[in-house]
Amino acid sequence: MLVLARKKGESIIIGDQIELVVLGVEGDVVKLGIQAPKKVQVYRKEIYDAIKENNREASSQSLDMESLNKLYKKE
């Protein structure tokens, strides 16, 4: 892990297209600004972990084709 010290207004560049800017520090909370291309997905870690877990659960469930067909059947 790379550890860097930055002050308010200072930045860190990741690759060629991502910039992290320290916007402020209030107590033990650091506010960061992230400039990245729209195609780059940016999540808080807890949200990213929840997405991964939901995807894992969804991929492990068996698919019941009969029930799926009933959902799409027009009346």
C-alpha atoms as a PDB file:
ATOM      1  CA  MET A   1       0.000   0.000   0.000  1.00  0.00           C
ATOM      2  CA  LEU A   2       1.298   3.414  -0.929  1.00  0.00           C
ATOM      3  CA  VAL A   3       0.742   5.981   1.830  1.00  0.00           C
ATOM      4  CA  LEU A   4       0.886   9.692   0.956  1.00  0.00           C
ATOM      5  CA  ALA A   5       0.304  12.810   3.022  1.00  0.00           C
ATOM      6  CA  ARG A   6      -1.683  15.560   1.304  1.00  0.00           C
ATOM      7  CA  LYS A   7      -2.994  18.910   2.500  1.00  0.00           C
ATOM      8  CA  LYS A   8      -6.271  20.614   1.610  1.00  0.00           C
ATOM      9  CA  GLY A   9      -6.250  21.499  -2.086  1.00  0.00           C
ATOM     10  CA  GLU A  10      -3.490  19.022  -2.968  1.00  0.00           C
ATOM     11  CA  SER A  11      -4.040  16.125  -5.377  1.00  0.00           C
ATOM     12  CA  ILE A  12      -2.991  12.602  -6.204  1.00  0.00           C
ATOM     13  CA  ILE A  13      -3.016  11.401  -9.815  1.00  0.00           C
ATOM     14  CA  ILE A  14      -3.840   7.753 -10.587  1.00  0.00           C
ATOM     15  CA  GLY A  15      -2.922   6.637 -14.081  1.00  0.00           C
ATOM     16  CA  ASP A  16      -3.501   9.297 -16.720  1.00  0.00           C
ATOM     17  CA  GLN A  17      -7.150  10.079 -16.066  1.00  0.00           C
ATOM     18  CA  ILE A  18      -8.017   9.959 -12.361  1.00  0.00           C
ATOM     19  CA  GLU A  19      -7.332  12.760  -9.901  1.00  0.00           C
ATOM     20  CA  LEU A  20      -8.100  12.663  -6.171  1.00  0.00           C
ATOM     21  CA  VAL A  21      -8.275  16.091  -4.554  1.00  0.00           C
ATOM     22  CA  VAL A  22      -8.328  16.691  -0.799  1.00  0.00           C
ATOM     23  CA  LEU A  23     -11.217  19.134  -0.382  1.00  0.00           C
ATOM     24  CA  GLY A  24     -11.093  19.395   3.372  1.00  0.00           C
ATOM     25  CA  VAL A  25     -10.434  17.778   6.707  1.00  0.00           C
ATOM     26  CA  GLU A  26     -12.959  18.096   9.522  1.00  0.00           C
ATOM     27  CA  GLY A  27     -11.995  16.157  12.640  1.00  0.00           C
ATOM     28  CA  ASP A  28     -11.471  12.567  11.574  1.00  0.00           C
ATOM     29  CA  VAL A  29     -13.356  13.026   8.257  1.00  0.00           C
ATOM     30  CA  VAL A  30     -11.477  13.690   5.028  1.00  0.00           C
ATOM     31  CA  LYS A  31     -13.486  15.025   2.084  1.00  0.00           C
ATOM     32  CA  LEU A  32     -12.172  13.887  -1.288  1.00  0.00           C
ATOM     33  CA  GLY A  33     -13.080  15.017  -4.775  1.00  0.00           C
ATOM     34  CA  ILE A  34     -12.630  12.522  -7.592  1.00  0.00           C
ATOM     35  CA  GLN A  35     -12.227  13.551 -11.209  1.00  0.00           C
ATOM     36  CA  ALA A  36     -12.458  10.556 -13.533  1.00  0.00           C
ATOM     37  CA  PRO A  37     -13.932   9.717 -16.929  1.00  0.00           C
ATOM     38  CA  LYS A  38     -17.626   8.788 -16.834  1.00  0.00           C
ATOM     39  CA  LYS A  39     -16.759   5.246 -17.930  1.00  0.00           C
ATOM     40  CA  VAL A  40     -14.805   4.727 -14.679  1.00  0.00           C
ATOM     41  CA  GLN A  41     -17.104   3.490 -11.924  1.00  0.00           C
ATOM     42  CA  VAL A  42     -16.368   5.008  -8.499  1.00  0.00           C
ATOM     43  CA  TYR A  43     -17.932   3.507  -5.359  1.00  0.00           C
ATOM     44  CA  ARG A  44     -17.441   3.707  -1.621  1.00  0.00           C
ATOM     45  CA  LYS A  45     -15.877   0.407  -0.554  1.00  0.00           C
ATOM     46  CA  GLU A  46     -18.887  -0.737   1.476  1.00  0.00           C
ATOM     47  CA  ILE A  47     -21.158  -0.193  -1.547  1.00  0.00           C
ATOM     48  CA  TYR A  48     -18.705  -2.008  -3.847  1.00  0.00           C
ATOM     49  CA  ASP A  49     -18.564  -4.959  -1.426  1.00  0.00           C
ATOM     50  CA  ALA A  50     -22.394  -5.092  -1.275  1.00  0.00           C
ATOM     51  CA  ILE A  51     -22.620  -5.101  -5.094  1.00  0.00           C
ATOM     52  CA  LYS A  52     -20.088  -7.938  -5.298  1.00  0.00           C
ATOM     53  CA  GLU A  53     -21.985  -9.964  -2.683  1.00  0.00           C
ATOM     54  CA  ASN A  54     -25.342  -9.423  -4.415  1.00  0.00           C
ATOM     55  CA  ASN A  55     -23.822 -10.472  -7.748  1.00  0.00           C
ATOM     56  CA  ARG A  56     -22.310 -13.569  -6.132  1.00  0.00           C
ATOM     57  CA  GLU A  57     -25.670 -14.540  -4.615  1.00  0.00           C
ATOM     58  CA  ALA A  58     -27.537 -13.925  -7.863  1.00  0.00           C
ATOM     59  CA  SER A  59     -25.097 -16.025  -9.872  1.00  0.00           C
ATOM     60  CA  SER A  60     -25.392 -18.954  -7.461  1.00  0.00           C
ATOM     61  CA  GLN A  61     -29.183 -19.205  -7.691  1.00  0.00           C
ATOM     62  CA  SER A  62     -30.672 -21.764 -10.040  1.00  0.00           C
ATOM     63  CA  LEU A  63     -32.875 -20.541 -12.854  1.00  0.00           C
ATOM     64  CA  ASP A  64     -36.375 -21.966 -13.141  1.00  0.00           C
ATOM     65  CA  MET A  65     -37.247 -21.548 -16.847  1.00  0.00           C
ATOM     66  CA  GLU A  66     -40.944 -22.342 -16.323  1.00  0.00           C
ATOM     67  CA  SER A  67     -41.337 -19.532 -13.778  1.00  0.00           C
ATOM     68  CA  LEU A  68     -39.357 -17.179 -16.007  1.00  0.00           C
ATOM     69  CA  ASN A  69     -41.599 -17.970 -18.995  1.00  0.00           C
ATOM     70  CA  LYS A  70     -44.707 -17.255 -16.891  1.00  0.00           C
ATOM     71  CA  LEU A  71     -43.334 -13.800 -16.081  1.00  0.00           C
ATOM     72  CA  TYR A  72     -42.986 -12.951 -19.753  1.00  0.00           C
ATOM     73  CA  LYS A  73     -46.167 -14.657 -20.970  1.00  0.00           C
ATOM     74  CA  LYS A  74     -48.726 -12.177 -22.247  1.00  0.00           C
ATOM     75  CA  GLU A  75     -52.321 -12.683 -21.250  1.00  0.00           C
END
